[in-house]
Amino acid sequence: MIKEIARLHGLSVSEVREQIQGKIIDVMNSDDPEQQAEFKRLFGNSTPTPEEFICVTSRQLKF
């Protein structure tokens, strides 16, 4: 998935990974208690890799 995102946006895989990791850190450090609680529910006290984040959060999608 990361390779496809990179291709679609004309970025390198490492650039996409860095951007996703930055967003993960943003959510972890959020001032929103609901966002923090949801993150902790999904990942505990660990910092997921971009791949882990995509896998776990995609399972939470409801169609």
N, C-alpha and C. Protein backbone atom coordinates (compact mmCIF):
# COMPACT_ATOMS: atom_id res chain seq x y z
N MET A 1 0.82 -1.18 0.00
CA MET A 1 0.00 0.00 0.00
C MET A 1 0.87 1.26 0.00
N ILE A 2 1.93 1.24 0.78
CA ILE A 2 2.81 2.40 0.83
C ILE A 2 3.46 2.65 -0.52
N LYS A 3 3.86 1.58 -1.20
CA LYS A 3 4.44 1.74 -2.54
C LYS A 3 3.45 2.36 -3.50
N GLU A 4 2.20 1.94 -3.42
CA GLU A 4 1.17 2.47 -4.31
C GLU A 4 0.90 3.95 -4.02
N ILE A 5 0.83 4.32 -2.75
CA ILE A 5 0.64 5.72 -2.38
C ILE A 5 1.80 6.56 -2.92
N ALA A 6 3.00 6.05 -2.76
CA ALA A 6 4.19 6.76 -3.25
C ALA A 6 4.10 6.95 -4.77
N ARG A 7 3.74 5.90 -5.47
CA ARG A 7 3.64 5.98 -6.93
C ARG A 7 2.57 6.99 -7.36
N LEU A 8 1.42 6.93 -6.71
CA LEU A 8 0.32 7.82 -7.07
C LEU A 8 0.64 9.29 -6.83
N HIS A 9 1.46 9.56 -5.83
CA HIS A 9 1.76 10.95 -5.46
C HIS A 9 3.15 11.40 -5.89
N GLY A 10 3.86 10.56 -6.62
CA GLY A 10 5.18 10.93 -7.11
C GLY A 10 6.19 11.12 -6.00
N LEU A 11 6.09 10.30 -4.96
CA LEU A 11 7.00 10.38 -3.82
C LEU A 11 7.79 9.09 -3.70
N SER A 12 8.85 9.13 -2.92
CA SER A 12 9.57 7.90 -2.63
C SER A 12 8.85 7.17 -1.49
N VAL A 13 9.11 5.88 -1.39
CA VAL A 13 8.53 5.08 -0.31
C VAL A 13 8.96 5.64 1.04
N SER A 14 10.21 6.05 1.15
CA SER A 14 10.69 6.58 2.43
C SER A 14 10.00 7.89 2.79
N GLU A 15 9.67 8.71 1.78
CA GLU A 15 8.95 9.96 2.05
C GLU A 15 7.54 9.66 2.59
N VAL A 16 6.88 8.69 2.00
CA VAL A 16 5.54 8.32 2.46
C VAL A 16 5.61 7.76 3.87
N ARG A 17 6.58 6.88 4.12
CA ARG A 17 6.73 6.31 5.47
C ARG A 17 6.98 7.42 6.49
N GLU A 18 7.83 8.39 6.17
CA GLU A 18 8.12 9.51 7.07
C GLU A 18 6.87 10.33 7.35
N GLN A 19 6.07 10.58 6.31
CA GLN A 19 4.84 11.35 6.50
C GLN A 19 3.85 10.62 7.39
N ILE A 20 3.70 9.32 7.17
CA ILE A 20 2.78 8.54 7.99
C ILE A 20 3.29 8.49 9.43
N GLN A 21 4.60 8.29 9.61
CA GLN A 21 5.16 8.24 10.96
C GLN A 21 4.95 9.58 11.67
N GLY A 22 5.07 10.67 10.95
CA GLY A 22 4.82 11.99 11.53
C GLY A 22 3.39 12.14 12.01
N LYS A 23 2.44 11.63 11.23
CA LYS A 23 1.03 11.68 11.63
C LYS A 23 0.77 10.79 12.84
N ILE A 24 1.44 9.65 12.90
CA ILE A 24 1.31 8.77 14.07
C ILE A 24 1.76 9.52 15.32
N ILE A 25 2.88 10.19 15.25
CA ILE A 25 3.40 10.96 16.39
C ILE A 25 2.43 12.07 16.75
N ASP A 26 1.86 12.74 15.74
CA ASP A 26 0.87 13.80 15.99
C ASP A 26 -0.31 13.26 16.79
N VAL A 27 -0.82 12.10 16.40
CA VAL A 27 -1.96 11.51 17.11
C VAL A 27 -1.56 11.10 18.52
N MET A 28 -0.38 10.52 18.66
CA MET A 28 0.08 10.12 19.99
C MET A 28 0.19 11.31 20.94
N ASN A 29 0.55 12.46 20.41
CA ASN A 29 0.76 13.65 21.23
C ASN A 29 -0.45 14.59 21.21
N SER A 30 -1.56 14.12 20.71
CA SER A 30 -2.76 14.95 20.59
C SER A 30 -3.24 15.42 21.97
N ASP A 31 -3.83 16.60 21.99
CA ASP A 31 -4.45 17.12 23.20
C ASP A 31 -5.88 16.59 23.37
N ASP A 32 -6.40 15.95 22.33
CA ASP A 32 -7.76 15.42 22.35
C ASP A 32 -7.78 14.10 23.13
N PRO A 33 -8.44 14.08 24.29
CA PRO A 33 -8.46 12.86 25.10
C PRO A 33 -9.12 11.67 24.40
N GLU A 34 -10.11 11.92 23.56
CA GLU A 34 -10.75 10.83 22.82
C GLU A 34 -9.78 10.20 21.82
N GLN A 35 -9.03 11.05 21.14
CA GLN A 35 -8.03 10.55 20.18
C GLN A 35 -6.95 9.75 20.90
N GLN A 36 -6.49 10.24 22.03
CA GLN A 36 -5.48 9.53 22.80
C GLN A 36 -6.00 8.18 23.30
N ALA A 37 -7.26 8.16 23.78
CA ALA A 37 -7.84 6.92 24.28
C ALA A 37 -7.98 5.88 23.16
N GLU A 38 -8.42 6.33 21.99
CA GLU A 38 -8.56 5.40 20.86
C GLU A 38 -7.20 4.86 20.43
N PHE A 39 -6.20 5.72 20.38
CA PHE A 39 -4.86 5.28 20.01
C PHE A 39 -4.35 4.25 21.01
N LYS A 40 -4.54 4.52 22.29
CA LYS A 40 -4.07 3.61 23.34
C LYS A 40 -4.82 2.28 23.26
N ARG A 41 -6.11 2.33 22.93
CA ARG A 41 -6.90 1.11 22.79
C ARG A 41 -6.34 0.24 21.66
N LEU A 42 -5.95 0.88 20.57
CA LEU A 42 -5.46 0.14 19.41
C LEU A 42 -4.02 -0.31 19.55
N PHE A 43 -3.17 0.53 20.17
CA PHE A 43 -1.73 0.26 20.14
C PHE A 43 -1.07 0.18 21.51
N GLY A 44 -1.85 0.38 22.59
CA GLY A 44 -1.25 0.35 23.92
C GLY A 44 -0.26 1.49 24.06
N ASN A 45 0.87 1.21 24.65
CA ASN A 45 1.91 2.23 24.85
C ASN A 45 2.99 2.18 23.79
N SER A 46 2.78 1.39 22.75
CA SER A 46 3.81 1.27 21.72
C SER A 46 3.57 2.24 20.57
N THR A 47 4.63 2.51 19.86
CA THR A 47 4.56 3.35 18.67
C THR A 47 4.58 2.42 17.46
N PRO A 48 3.47 2.35 16.72
CA PRO A 48 3.43 1.43 15.58
C PRO A 48 4.25 1.94 14.41
N THR A 49 4.70 1.01 13.60
CA THR A 49 5.32 1.38 12.33
C THR A 49 4.19 1.83 11.40
N PRO A 50 4.52 2.51 10.31
CA PRO A 50 3.46 2.88 9.37
C PRO A 50 2.67 1.66 8.87
N GLU A 51 3.36 0.55 8.63
CA GLU A 51 2.67 -0.65 8.17
C GLU A 51 1.71 -1.19 9.23
N GLU A 52 2.16 -1.23 10.49
CA GLU A 52 1.29 -1.68 11.58
C GLU A 52 0.08 -0.75 11.73
N PHE A 53 0.33 0.55 11.63
CA PHE A 53 -0.74 1.52 11.76
C PHE A 53 -1.80 1.30 10.68
N ILE A 54 -1.36 1.11 9.44
CA ILE A 54 -2.29 0.89 8.34
C ILE A 54 -3.08 -0.39 8.56
N CYS A 55 -2.41 -1.47 8.93
CA CYS A 55 -3.09 -2.76 9.13
C CYS A 55 -4.14 -2.67 10.24
N VAL A 56 -3.75 -2.13 11.37
CA VAL A 56 -4.66 -2.07 12.52
C VAL A 56 -5.83 -1.13 12.25
N THR A 57 -5.54 0.05 11.75
CA THR A 57 -6.63 1.01 11.54
C THR A 57 -7.55 0.60 10.40
N SER A 58 -7.02 -0.07 9.38
CA SER A 58 -7.89 -0.50 8.29
C SER A 58 -8.88 -1.56 8.74
N ARG A 59 -8.52 -2.35 9.75
CA ARG A 59 -9.44 -3.34 10.29
C ARG A 59 -10.59 -2.68 11.05
N GLN A 60 -10.41 -1.44 11.46
CA GLN A 60 -11.42 -0.73 12.22
C GLN A 60 -12.48 -0.06 11.33
N LEU A 61 -12.23 -0.02 10.03
CA LEU A 61 -13.17 0.63 9.11
C LEU A 61 -14.46 -0.16 9.02
N LYS A 62 -15.55 0.57 9.01
CA LYS A 62 -16.87 -0.06 8.90
C LYS A 62 -17.51 0.40 7.61
N PHE A 63 -17.92 -0.54 6.81
CA PHE A 63 -18.53 -0.22 5.52
C PHE A 63 -20.02 -0.38 5.58
